[in-house]
């Protein structure tokens, strides 16, 4: 997947124009100039950033929106002052870079604006016990772009209390995930849903909690059933052993009586 293949709607994205220049000095010291093209919503609103770095430290940064160079070390202050004395030259260079940025943007933004629909699971992670409420989790995976909204519904009414959610978590592969927890005391026959609103769908996506046996309940049921089966097998084995011993004893006793 290309680095230009996705975009966060209503948020800043960066189209890197790559390393504009690199230079190497003696004794392992090196520096580079990085040009970043930021597209704010559309190609009509473009910002250029030049960043001059040396030995892992940023020395200077130029922002076309401010049309000003900022220094980040004492050594770079004089350079920044010299550049800022030529605002017309800075503006002219920025306009050239912005033209290149728009040219790249026309190639890549159609791909960047794609969206990816999330995968959603709703499940029970804790059963109610006494005064302890049950807990549900709505897990949303592999979606793009980042902005997303999760809402819990109980019998078609929004739940606003006892809900905790994580932030959108980056997976490291352009996709995101998020998780929301709901604590509640269940009622017979009620319907609980997780509603997901995302740019990949024109309408809210509703995912109902499966009212059938939960995973934890199934595990408990299987464990209990296995225990019952094992108990029956052991009881049957004991009964067979008892009958066999009892039969052997009767045969032995009968043989002794015949001998005498």
Protein backbone atom coordinates (compact mmCIF):
# COMPACT_ATOMS: atom_id res chain seq x y z
CA UNK A 1 0.00 0.00 0.00
CA UNK A 2 1.40 3.39 -1.00
CA UNK A 3 2.18 6.03 1.60
CA UNK A 4 -0.18 8.32 -0.31
CA UNK A 5 -3.13 5.93 -0.35
CA UNK A 6 -5.12 7.28 2.61
CA UNK A 7 -6.26 10.58 4.07
CA UNK A 8 -7.83 11.68 7.33
CA UNK A 9 -10.91 13.64 6.42
CA UNK A 10 -11.04 17.14 7.97
CA UNK A 11 -7.53 16.61 9.28
CA UNK A 12 -4.06 17.53 8.08
CA UNK A 13 -2.29 15.06 5.85
CA UNK A 14 1.29 15.21 4.69
CA UNK A 15 2.51 14.48 1.19
CA UNK A 16 6.26 14.24 1.47
CA UNK A 17 8.20 15.53 -1.50
CA UNK A 18 11.12 13.48 -0.22
CA UNK A 19 14.60 14.62 0.67
CA UNK A 20 15.21 17.76 -1.32
CA UNK A 21 18.93 17.56 -0.67
CA UNK A 22 21.33 15.58 1.44
CA UNK A 23 24.92 16.29 2.25
CA UNK A 24 27.55 14.34 4.13
CA UNK A 25 30.44 15.79 6.06
CA UNK A 26 33.56 14.24 7.59
CA UNK A 27 33.66 12.22 10.81
CA UNK A 28 30.18 10.78 10.26
CA UNK A 29 28.26 14.07 10.55
CA UNK A 30 25.40 14.55 8.13
CA UNK A 31 22.45 16.78 7.43
CA UNK A 32 19.40 16.94 5.19
CA UNK A 33 16.63 19.26 4.05
CA UNK A 34 13.11 17.84 4.15
CA UNK A 35 10.24 19.42 2.23
CA UNK A 36 6.71 18.64 3.47
CA UNK A 37 3.59 19.52 1.56
CA UNK A 38 0.51 19.77 3.79
CA UNK A 39 -2.91 19.69 2.17
CA UNK A 40 -5.60 21.11 4.46
CA UNK A 41 -8.82 19.61 3.16
CA UNK A 42 -8.27 20.43 -0.52
CA UNK A 43 -5.59 21.52 -2.97
CA UNK A 44 -6.88 25.08 -2.69
CA UNK A 45 -5.36 25.25 0.79
CA UNK A 46 -1.75 24.11 0.71
CA UNK A 47 1.08 24.71 3.14
CA UNK A 48 4.79 24.15 2.53
CA UNK A 49 7.31 23.38 5.27
CA UNK A 50 11.08 23.31 4.81
CA UNK A 51 13.00 21.64 7.60
CA UNK A 52 16.82 21.84 7.76
CA UNK A 53 18.34 19.15 10.00
CA UNK A 54 21.88 18.37 11.09
CA UNK A 55 23.07 15.49 13.29
CA UNK A 56 19.51 14.52 14.27
CA UNK A 57 18.67 18.08 15.32
CA UNK A 58 16.35 20.47 13.51
CA UNK A 59 18.11 23.78 12.93
CA UNK A 60 15.65 25.80 10.86
CA UNK A 61 12.04 25.53 9.74
CA UNK A 62 10.19 27.61 7.17
CA UNK A 63 6.38 27.66 7.11
CA UNK A 64 4.72 29.17 4.03
CA UNK A 65 1.59 30.10 5.99
CA UNK A 66 3.63 32.35 8.27
CA UNK A 67 6.21 33.19 5.55
CA UNK A 68 8.82 33.08 8.26
CA UNK A 69 11.89 31.04 9.20
CA UNK A 70 12.18 29.83 12.81
CA UNK A 71 15.49 28.84 14.45
CA UNK A 72 15.75 25.97 16.94
CA UNK A 73 19.38 26.33 17.99
CA UNK A 74 21.58 29.30 18.86
CA UNK A 75 23.82 28.40 15.95
CA UNK A 76 20.91 28.80 13.49
CA UNK A 77 19.58 32.16 14.76
CA UNK A 78 21.76 34.20 12.40
CA UNK A 79 20.67 32.11 9.42
CA UNK A 80 17.01 32.63 10.33
CA UNK A 81 17.52 36.38 10.65
CA UNK A 82 19.20 36.53 7.23
CA UNK A 83 16.37 34.59 5.59
CA UNK A 84 13.64 36.65 7.27
CA UNK A 85 15.19 39.84 5.89
CA UNK A 86 14.11 38.63 2.43
CA UNK A 87 10.34 37.90 2.79
CA UNK A 88 9.73 38.42 -0.94
CA UNK A 89 12.31 35.77 -1.81
CA UNK A 90 10.82 33.36 0.75
CA UNK A 91 7.34 33.89 -0.68
CA UNK A 92 8.55 33.32 -4.24
CA UNK A 93 10.31 30.05 -3.30
CA UNK A 94 7.23 28.90 -1.38
CA UNK A 95 4.98 29.53 -4.39
CA UNK A 96 7.23 27.36 -6.55
CA UNK A 97 7.07 24.54 -3.99
CA UNK A 98 3.29 24.89 -3.65
CA UNK A 99 2.92 24.49 -7.42
CA UNK A 100 4.87 21.22 -7.22
CA UNK A 101 2.76 20.17 -4.25
CA UNK A 102 -0.47 20.71 -6.18
CA UNK A 103 0.91 18.77 -9.13
CA UNK A 104 1.70 15.79 -6.87
CA UNK A 105 -1.63 16.21 -5.11
CA UNK A 106 -3.60 15.91 -8.35
CA UNK A 107 -1.96 12.53 -8.86
CA UNK A 108 -2.37 11.14 -5.35
CA UNK A 109 -5.38 12.75 -3.65
CA UNK A 110 -7.95 10.65 -5.57
CA UNK A 111 -6.35 7.57 -3.98
CA UNK A 112 -5.91 9.27 -0.62
CA UNK A 113 -9.63 9.98 -0.27
CA UNK A 114 -10.56 6.29 -0.20
CA UNK A 115 -12.20 4.92 2.94
CA UNK A 116 -12.12 1.45 4.51
CA UNK A 117 -15.13 0.02 6.30
CA UNK A 118 -14.43 -1.32 9.82
CA UNK A 119 -14.83 -4.85 11.12
CA UNK A 120 -16.96 -4.85 14.28
CA UNK A 121 -17.57 -7.40 17.03
CA UNK A 122 -19.85 -7.03 20.06
CA UNK A 123 -19.40 -9.56 22.85
CA UNK A 124 -19.76 -10.13 26.57
CA UNK A 125 -16.57 -10.19 28.62
CA UNK A 126 -18.10 -10.39 32.11
CA UNK A 127 -21.37 -11.74 33.46
CA UNK A 128 -23.36 -9.96 36.17
CA UNK A 129 -22.81 -11.38 39.66
CA UNK A 130 -24.50 -9.94 42.74
CA UNK A 131 -23.73 -6.23 42.84
CA UNK A 132 -21.17 -6.50 40.03
CA UNK A 133 -22.58 -5.46 36.63
CA UNK A 134 -22.02 -7.32 33.39
CA UNK A 135 -19.60 -5.85 30.83
CA UNK A 136 -19.81 -5.74 27.05
CA UNK A 137 -17.11 -4.67 24.60
CA UNK A 138 -17.58 -3.27 21.12
CA UNK A 139 -14.33 -3.75 19.17
CA UNK A 140 -13.84 -1.97 15.86
CA UNK A 141 -10.89 -2.97 13.68
CA UNK A 142 -9.15 -2.05 10.42
CA UNK A 143 -10.93 1.18 9.51
CA UNK A 144 -9.78 4.30 7.71
CA UNK A 145 -9.81 7.29 8.05
CA UNK A 146 -9.27 7.85 11.77
CA UNK A 147 -12.38 9.87 12.86
CA UNK A 148 -15.07 7.51 14.16
CA UNK A 149 -17.93 7.57 16.67
CA UNK A 150 -19.19 4.66 18.80
CA UNK A 151 -22.54 4.78 20.62
CA UNK A 152 -24.25 2.19 22.82
CA UNK A 153 -28.01 1.70 22.43
CA UNK A 154 -30.25 -0.14 24.89
CA UNK A 155 -33.72 -0.88 23.54
CA UNK A 156 -33.09 1.80 20.88
CA UNK A 157 -32.21 4.45 23.49
CA UNK A 158 -28.71 5.90 23.73
CA UNK A 159 -26.70 4.89 26.80
CA UNK A 160 -24.67 7.79 28.22
CA UNK A 161 -23.49 6.36 31.55
CA UNK A 162 -21.11 3.54 32.49
CA UNK A 163 -19.44 3.72 29.08
CA UNK A 164 -15.66 3.91 28.63
CA UNK A 165 -13.81 4.01 25.32
CA UNK A 166 -10.23 4.01 24.11
CA UNK A 167 -8.84 6.54 21.69
CA UNK A 168 -8.41 5.57 18.05
CA UNK A 169 -5.33 3.35 18.09
CA UNK A 170 -3.00 3.22 15.09
CA UNK A 171 -2.19 -0.30 13.90
CA UNK A 172 0.97 0.87 12.16
CA UNK A 173 -0.32 -0.10 8.70
CA UNK A 174 -2.55 2.94 7.98
CA UNK A 175 -5.51 1.30 9.70
CA UNK A 176 -7.01 2.07 13.13
CA UNK A 177 -8.88 0.27 15.89
CA UNK A 178 -11.00 1.39 18.84
CA UNK A 179 -12.77 -0.35 21.74
CA UNK A 180 -15.75 0.70 23.87
CA UNK A 181 -16.94 -0.95 27.11
CA UNK A 182 -20.42 -0.89 28.61
CA UNK A 183 -21.22 -1.93 32.18
CA UNK A 184 -24.88 -2.80 32.83
CA UNK A 185 -27.30 -5.03 34.68
CA UNK A 186 -29.08 -7.13 32.05
CA UNK A 187 -32.85 -7.35 31.74
CA UNK A 188 -34.76 -10.21 30.08
CA UNK A 189 -35.63 -9.59 26.45
CA UNK A 190 -33.75 -6.31 26.06
CA UNK A 191 -31.79 -5.40 22.90
CA UNK A 192 -28.31 -3.91 23.17
CA UNK A 193 -26.50 -2.51 20.14
CA UNK A 194 -23.23 -0.80 19.27
CA UNK A 195 -23.70 1.95 16.69
CA UNK A 196 -20.68 2.88 14.55
CA UNK A 197 -20.56 6.12 12.55
CA UNK A 198 -17.72 6.36 10.05
CA UNK A 199 -16.89 8.01 6.73
CA UNK A 200 -16.94 4.61 5.00
CA UNK A 201 -20.74 4.42 5.37
CA UNK A 202 -23.43 6.96 4.49
CA UNK A 203 -25.53 5.86 7.46
CA UNK A 204 -24.82 4.57 11.00
CA UNK A 205 -23.85 0.90 11.17
CA UNK A 206 -25.73 -1.01 13.89
CA UNK A 207 -24.36 -4.17 15.47
CA UNK A 208 -26.60 -6.05 17.93
CA UNK A 209 -25.35 -8.15 20.81
CA UNK A 210 -26.04 -11.81 20.04
CA UNK A 211 -28.62 -12.88 22.61
CA UNK A 212 -27.52 -16.50 22.29
CA UNK A 213 -25.00 -18.00 24.67
CA UNK A 214 -21.94 -15.77 25.08
CA UNK A 215 -18.43 -17.07 24.57
CA UNK A 216 -17.71 -17.18 28.29
CA UNK A 217 -21.03 -18.93 28.91
CA UNK A 218 -20.26 -21.44 26.19
CA UNK A 219 -16.87 -22.13 27.72
CA UNK A 220 -18.46 -22.64 31.13
CA UNK A 221 -21.12 -24.89 29.61
CA UNK A 222 -18.56 -26.97 27.73
CA UNK A 223 -16.38 -27.26 30.84
CA UNK A 224 -19.37 -28.28 32.94
CA UNK A 225 -20.59 -30.77 30.35
CA UNK A 226 -17.13 -32.27 30.09
CA UNK A 227 -17.06 -32.63 33.88
CA UNK A 228 -20.43 -34.37 33.90
CA UNK A 229 -19.34 -36.76 31.14
CA UNK A 230 -16.10 -37.50 32.95
CA UNK A 231 -18.03 -38.11 36.16
CA UNK A 232 -20.38 -40.53 34.39
CA UNK A 233 -17.44 -42.41 32.86
CA UNK A 234 -15.70 -42.67 36.21
CA UNK A 235 -18.92 -43.83 37.91
CA UNK A 236 -19.53 -46.41 35.20
CA UNK A 237 -15.96 -47.61 35.48
CA UNK A 238 -16.30 -47.93 39.25
CA UNK A 239 -19.56 -49.86 38.88
CA UNK A 240 -18.01 -52.27 36.36
CA UNK A 241 -15.00 -52.75 38.61
CA UNK A 242 -17.24 -53.42 41.63
CA UNK A 243 -19.38 -55.95 39.76
CA UNK A 244 -16.35 -57.75 38.37
CA UNK A 245 -14.71 -58.00 41.81
CA UNK A 246 -17.99 -59.14 43.35
CA UNK A 247 -18.44 -61.80 40.64
CA UNK A 248 -14.86 -63.03 41.01
CA UNK A 249 -15.34 -63.31 44.78
CA UNK A 250 -18.56 -65.36 44.37
CA UNK A 251 -16.83 -67.74 41.95
CA UNK A 252 -13.90 -68.15 44.29
CA UNK A 253 -16.16 -68.82 47.28
CA UNK A 254 -18.21 -71.35 45.30
CA UNK A 255 -15.04 -73.17 44.24
CA UNK A 256 -13.79 -73.41 47.80
CA UNK A 257 -17.12 -74.88 49.00
CA UNK A 258 -17.00 -77.50 46.25
CA UNK A 259 -13.43 -78.44 47.21
CA UNK A 260 -14.38 -79.02 50.81
